[in-house]
C-alpha atoms as a PDB file:
ATOM      1  CA  UNK A   1    -103.770  18.001 213.753  1.00  0.00           C
ATOM      2  CA  UNK A   2    -104.905  19.954 210.724  1.00  0.00           C
ATOM      3  CA  UNK A   3    -102.332  19.998 207.964  1.00  0.00           C
ATOM      4  CA  UNK A   4    -102.089  22.206 204.904  1.00  0.00           C
ATOM      5  CA  UNK A   5    -103.574  19.367 202.858  1.00  0.00           C
ATOM      6  CA  UNK A   6    -106.619  19.261 205.180  1.00  0.00           C
ATOM      7  CA  UNK A   7    -107.049  23.011 204.758  1.00  0.00           C
ATOM      8  CA  UNK A   8    -106.729  22.641 200.999  1.00  0.00           C
ATOM      9  CA  UNK A   9    -109.314  19.847 200.923  1.00  0.00           C
ATOM     10  CA  UNK A  10    -111.705  21.919 203.051  1.00  0.00           C
ATOM     11  CA  UNK A  11    -111.246  24.880 200.710  1.00  0.00           C
ATOM     12  CA  UNK A  12    -111.950  22.716 197.676  1.00  0.00           C
ATOM     13  CA  UNK A  13    -115.098  21.276 199.213  1.00  0.00           C
ATOM     14  CA  UNK A  14    -116.249  24.734 200.216  1.00  0.00           C
ATOM     15  CA  UNK A  15    -115.398  26.503 196.981  1.00  0.00           C
ATOM     16  CA  UNK A  16    -116.780  23.870 194.634  1.00  0.00           C
ATOM     17  CA  UNK A  17    -115.542  22.931 191.203  1.00  0.00           C
ATOM     18  CA  UNK A  18    -114.078  26.323 190.269  1.00  0.00           C
ATOM     19  CA  UNK A  19    -112.053  26.320 193.425  1.00  0.00           C
ATOM     20  CA  UNK A  20    -110.961  22.750 192.745  1.00  0.00           C
ATOM     21  CA  UNK A  21    -109.264  23.790 189.527  1.00  0.00           C
ATOM     22  CA  UNK A  22    -107.300  26.461 191.365  1.00  0.00           C
ATOM     23  CA  UNK A  23    -106.508  24.150 194.268  1.00  0.00           C
ATOM     24  CA  UNK A  24    -105.206  21.412 191.965  1.00  0.00           C
ATOM     25  CA  UNK A  25    -102.746  23.919 190.540  1.00  0.00           C
ATOM     26  CA  UNK A  26    -101.488  24.625 194.053  1.00  0.00           C
ATOM     27  CA  UNK A  27    -100.808  21.005 194.985  1.00  0.00           C
ATOM     28  CA  UNK A  28     -97.139  20.198 194.457  1.00  0.00           C
ATOM     29  CA  UNK A  29     -96.530  17.478 191.852  1.00  0.00           C
ATOM     30  CA  UNK A  30     -95.782  14.010 193.130  1.00  0.00           C
ATOM     31  CA  UNK A  31     -92.166  13.028 193.044  1.00  0.00           C
ATOM     32  CA  UNK A  32     -91.520  11.385 189.697  1.00  0.00           C
ATOM     33  CA  UNK A  33     -89.816   8.049 189.569  1.00  0.00           C
ATOM     34  CA  UNK A  34     -86.233   8.179 188.412  1.00  0.00           C
ATOM     35  CA  UNK A  35     -86.003   6.516 185.000  1.00  0.00           C
ATOM     36  CA  UNK A  36     -83.927   3.365 184.802  1.00  0.00           C
ATOM     37  CA  UNK A  37     -80.650   4.195 183.064  1.00  0.00           C
ATOM     38  CA  UNK A  38     -80.082   2.612 179.677  1.00  0.00           C
ATOM     39  CA  UNK A  39     -77.087   0.365 180.130  1.00  0.00           C
ATOM     40  CA  UNK A  40     -75.361  -1.871 177.614  1.00  0.00           C
ATOM     41  CA  UNK A  41     -77.172  -4.764 179.291  1.00  0.00           C
ATOM     42  CA  UNK A  42     -80.571  -3.169 178.630  1.00  0.00           C
ATOM     43  CA  UNK A  43     -79.568  -2.443 175.031  1.00  0.00           C
ATOM     44  CA  UNK A  44     -78.550  -6.090 174.567  1.00  0.00           C
ATOM     45  CA  UNK A  45     -81.856  -7.183 176.094  1.00  0.00           C
ATOM     46  CA  UNK A  46     -83.738  -5.002 173.576  1.00  0.00           C
ATOM     47  CA  UNK A  47     -81.871  -6.551 170.625  1.00  0.00           C
ATOM     48  CA  UNK A  48     -82.299 -10.031 172.141  1.00  0.00           C
ATOM     49  CA  UNK A  49     -86.069  -9.435 172.352  1.00  0.00           C
ATOM     50  CA  UNK A  50     -86.062  -8.763 168.607  1.00  0.00           C
ATOM     51  CA  UNK A  51     -84.137 -11.976 167.900  1.00  0.00           C
ATOM     52  CA  UNK A  52     -86.476 -13.952 170.143  1.00  0.00           C
ATOM     53  CA  UNK A  53     -89.435 -12.597 168.162  1.00  0.00           C
ATOM     54  CA  UNK A  54     -87.829 -13.756 164.897  1.00  0.00           C
ATOM     55  CA  UNK A  55     -88.155 -17.330 166.133  1.00  0.00           C
ATOM     56  CA  UNK A  56     -91.309 -16.961 168.239  1.00  0.00           C
ATOM     57  CA  UNK A  57     -94.004 -14.755 166.736  1.00  0.00           C
ATOM     58  CA  UNK A  58     -95.877 -14.563 170.026  1.00  0.00           C
ATOM     59  CA  UNK A  59     -93.024 -12.404 171.374  1.00  0.00           C
ATOM     60  CA  UNK A  60     -93.394  -9.601 168.796  1.00  0.00           C
ATOM     61  CA  UNK A  61     -95.150  -7.327 171.293  1.00  0.00           C
ATOM     62  CA  UNK A  62     -92.135  -7.560 173.624  1.00  0.00           C
ATOM     63  CA  UNK A  63     -89.758  -5.840 171.189  1.00  0.00           C
ATOM     64  CA  UNK A  64     -89.000  -2.270 172.358  1.00  0.00           C
ATOM     65  CA  UNK A  65     -89.107  -0.410 169.039  1.00  0.00           C
ATOM     66  CA  UNK A  66     -89.057   3.368 168.877  1.00  0.00           C
ATOM     67  CA  UNK A  67     -92.212   4.728 167.262  1.00  0.00           C
ATOM     68  CA  UNK A  68     -90.207   5.960 164.241  1.00  0.00           C
ATOM     69  CA  UNK A  69     -87.889   2.918 163.995  1.00  0.00           C
ATOM     70  CA  UNK A  70     -86.623   1.848 160.574  1.00  0.00           C
ATOM     71  CA  UNK A  71     -85.103  -1.341 159.183  1.00  0.00           C
ATOM     72  CA  UNK A  72     -82.936  -1.941 156.142  1.00  0.00           C
ATOM     73  CA  UNK A  73     -82.209  -5.381 154.668  1.00  0.00           C
ATOM     74  CA  UNK A  74     -79.248  -5.474 152.273  1.00  0.00           C
ATOM     75  CA  UNK A  75     -79.720  -1.727 151.737  1.00  0.00           C
ATOM     76  CA  UNK A  76     -83.472  -1.885 150.996  1.00  0.00           C
ATOM     77  CA  UNK A  77     -85.805  -0.276 153.537  1.00  0.00           C
ATOM     78  CA  UNK A  78     -88.225  -2.913 154.840  1.00  0.00           C
ATOM     79  CA  UNK A  79     -89.253  -1.304 158.131  1.00  0.00           C
ATOM     80  CA  UNK A  80     -90.944   2.087 158.340  1.00  0.00           C
ATOM     81  CA  UNK A  81     -92.164   2.315 161.939  1.00  0.00           C
ATOM     82  CA  UNK A  82     -91.996   0.400 165.187  1.00  0.00           C
ATOM     83  CA  UNK A  83     -95.661  -0.579 164.943  1.00  0.00           C
ATOM     84  CA  UNK A  84     -95.276  -1.864 161.373  1.00  0.00           C
ATOM     85  CA  UNK A  85     -92.186  -3.909 162.248  1.00  0.00           C
ATOM     86  CA  UNK A  86     -93.918  -5.370 165.288  1.00  0.00           C
ATOM     87  CA  UNK A  87     -96.925  -6.346 163.113  1.00  0.00           C
ATOM     88  CA  UNK A  88     -94.609  -7.883 160.513  1.00  0.00           C
ATOM     89  CA  UNK A  89     -92.860  -9.983 163.160  1.00  0.00           C
ATOM     90  CA  UNK A  90     -96.257 -11.188 164.333  1.00  0.00           C
ATOM     91  CA  UNK A  91     -98.064 -11.693 161.017  1.00  0.00           C
ATOM     92  CA  UNK A  92     -95.790 -11.591 157.948  1.00  0.00           C
ATOM     93  CA  UNK A  93     -95.167 -14.842 156.091  1.00  0.00           C
ATOM     94  CA  UNK A  94     -91.398 -14.314 155.843  1.00  0.00           C
ATOM     95  CA  UNK A  95     -91.113 -14.644 159.625  1.00  0.00           C
ATOM     96  CA  UNK A  96     -93.375 -17.699 159.799  1.00  0.00           C
ATOM     97  CA  UNK A  97     -90.707 -19.929 158.223  1.00  0.00           C
ATOM     98  CA  UNK A  98     -87.906 -18.851 160.557  1.00  0.00           C
ATOM     99  CA  UNK A  99     -86.921 -20.759 163.642  1.00  0.00           C
ATOM    100  CA  UNK A 100     -84.947 -19.434 166.598  1.00  0.00           C
ATOM    101  CA  UNK A 101     -81.785 -17.656 165.437  1.00  0.00           C
ATOM    102  CA  UNK A 102     -78.449 -19.019 166.585  1.00  0.00           C
ATOM    103  CA  UNK A 103     -76.360 -16.071 167.771  1.00  0.00           C
ATOM    104  CA  UNK A 104     -72.678 -16.446 166.960  1.00  0.00           C
ATOM    105  CA  UNK A 105     -71.549 -13.061 168.303  1.00  0.00           C
ATOM    106  CA  UNK A 106     -72.930  -9.899 169.833  1.00  0.00           C
ATOM    107  CA  UNK A 107     -71.134  -6.843 171.103  1.00  0.00           C
ATOM    108  CA  UNK A 108     -71.440  -3.164 171.775  1.00  0.00           C
ATOM    109  CA  UNK A 109     -69.584  -0.965 169.302  1.00  0.00           C
ATOM    110  CA  UNK A 110     -66.626   0.493 171.221  1.00  0.00           C
ATOM    111  CA  UNK A 111     -66.802   3.689 169.133  1.00  0.00           C
ATOM    112  CA  UNK A 112     -70.530   4.370 169.507  1.00  0.00           C
ATOM    113  CA  UNK A 113     -72.425   3.622 172.761  1.00  0.00           C
ATOM    114  CA  UNK A 114     -75.757   3.547 170.867  1.00  0.00           C
ATOM    115  CA  UNK A 115     -74.752   0.720 168.501  1.00  0.00           C
ATOM    116  CA  UNK A 116     -74.721  -3.072 168.903  1.00  0.00           C
ATOM    117  CA  UNK A 117     -73.456  -5.563 166.344  1.00  0.00           C
ATOM    118  CA  UNK A 118     -74.861  -9.080 166.091  1.00  0.00           C
ATOM    119  CA  UNK A 119     -74.047 -12.092 163.957  1.00  0.00           C
ATOM    120  CA  UNK A 120     -76.517 -14.934 163.843  1.00  0.00           C
ATOM    121  CA  UNK A 121     -77.894 -17.690 161.654  1.00  0.00           C
ATOM    122  CA  UNK A 122     -81.619 -18.084 161.058  1.00  0.00           C
ATOM    123  CA  UNK A 123     -82.661 -21.614 160.056  1.00  0.00           C
ATOM    124  CA  UNK A 124     -85.509 -21.558 157.523  1.00  0.00           C
ATOM    125  CA  UNK A 125     -87.935 -24.458 157.877  1.00  0.00           C
ATOM    126  CA  UNK A 126     -90.806 -25.112 155.462  1.00  0.00           C
ATOM    127  CA  UNK A 127     -93.203 -27.979 155.993  1.00  0.00           C
ATOM    128  CA  UNK A 128     -90.946 -29.442 158.668  1.00  0.00           C
ATOM    129  CA  UNK A 129     -87.898 -29.491 156.375  1.00  0.00           C
ATOM    130  CA  UNK A 130     -84.810 -27.360 157.124  1.00  0.00           C
ATOM    131  CA  UNK A 131     -84.362 -25.777 153.694  1.00  0.00           C
ATOM    132  CA  UNK A 132     -81.698 -23.052 154.074  1.00  0.00           C
ATOM    133  CA  UNK A 133     -79.841 -21.006 156.633  1.00  0.00           C
ATOM    134  CA  UNK A 134     -79.762 -17.222 156.583  1.00  0.00           C
ATOM    135  CA  UNK A 135     -76.472 -15.981 158.048  1.00  0.00           C
ATOM    136  CA  UNK A 136     -77.096 -12.393 159.128  1.00  0.00           C
ATOM    137  CA  UNK A 137     -75.014  -9.462 160.328  1.00  0.00           C
ATOM    138  CA  UNK A 138     -77.218  -6.888 162.057  1.00  0.00           C
ATOM    139  CA  UNK A 139     -76.407  -3.514 163.452  1.00  0.00           C
ATOM    140  CA  UNK A 140     -78.877  -2.167 166.005  1.00  0.00           C
ATOM    141  CA  UNK A 141     -79.065   1.512 166.899  1.00  0.00           C
ATOM    142  CA  UNK A 142     -80.494   1.719 170.413  1.00  0.00           C
ATOM    143  CA  UNK A 143     -79.978   5.241 171.752  1.00  0.00           C
ATOM    144  CA  UNK A 144     -79.058   5.506 175.411  1.00  0.00           C
ATOM    145  CA  UNK A 145     -81.626   8.296 175.683  1.00  0.00           C
ATOM    146  CA  UNK A 146     -84.568   5.913 175.037  1.00  0.00           C
ATOM    147  CA  UNK A 147     -83.253   2.329 175.181  1.00  0.00           C
ATOM    148  CA  UNK A 148     -85.563   1.554 172.233  1.00  0.00           C
ATOM    149  CA  UNK A 149     -84.514   0.118 168.871  1.00  0.00           C
ATOM    150  CA  UNK A 150     -84.505   3.023 166.432  1.00  0.00           C
ATOM    151  CA  UNK A 151     -82.723   1.429 163.460  1.00  0.00           C
ATOM    152  CA  UNK A 152     -81.716  -2.009 162.249  1.00  0.00           C
ATOM    153  CA  UNK A 153     -79.335  -2.560 159.347  1.00  0.00           C
ATOM    154  CA  UNK A 154     -79.206  -6.190 158.236  1.00  0.00           C
ATOM    155  CA  UNK A 155     -76.907  -7.899 155.776  1.00  0.00           C
ATOM    156  CA  UNK A 156     -78.521 -11.252 155.001  1.00  0.00           C
ATOM    157  CA  UNK A 157     -77.277 -14.097 152.840  1.00  0.00           C
ATOM    158  CA  UNK A 158     -78.706 -17.528 152.112  1.00  0.00           C
ATOM    159  CA  UNK A 159     -76.724 -20.770 152.375  1.00  0.00           C
ATOM    160  CA  UNK A 160     -77.620 -24.451 152.334  1.00  0.00           C
ATOM    161  CA  UNK A 161     -77.814 -25.936 155.835  1.00  0.00           C
ATOM    162  CA  UNK A 162     -74.490 -27.343 157.058  1.00  0.00           C
ATOM    163  CA  UNK A 163     -75.548 -30.974 156.528  1.00  0.00           C
ATOM    164  CA  UNK A 164     -77.904 -30.399 153.604  1.00  0.00           C
ATOM    165  CA  UNK A 165     -81.710 -30.162 153.705  1.00  0.00           C
ATOM    166  CA  UNK A 166     -83.237 -32.341 156.382  1.00  0.00           C
ATOM    167  CA  UNK A 167     -86.602 -32.996 157.945  1.00  0.00           C
ATOM    168  CA  UNK A 168     -87.015 -31.694 161.456  1.00  0.00           C
ATOM    169  CA  UNK A 169     -88.728 -33.632 164.186  1.00  0.00           C
ATOM    170  CA  UNK A 170     -91.426 -32.168 166.338  1.00  0.00           C
END
């Protein structure tokens, strides 16, 4: 059975390259995959990927930043693009002294579906010694339209560790 696609292929082969350009325009586009909806769960996973990368630099490439993402720490802009923030997570010295953050709370903002609020503590370890903790409140803007982190606002403080400085094992 000769189908319309067989006829089209025959026409292309007969007509040559010029005909191919015309024929390609006549072929209906393939059905596009339906994008996965951005749910609160996917937004939380995006923010969690960022927190994981704070404690494990090898995970920096997993963070879904928007290309034009920005970050502010205590009101000062420290992030100017998704690529720059990803590089900083991977290479910057400030992240090399952090260990895995301990999340104390995380929740979607009931007033804005694009916003998540996290509270966590980042232990800072230098030379195997737990020097300070950095309690942090972070607000993530992760638009439902992209499910990518577009803005982070962090309020960071520094406190002595709960039981004083101590040497870590391992």
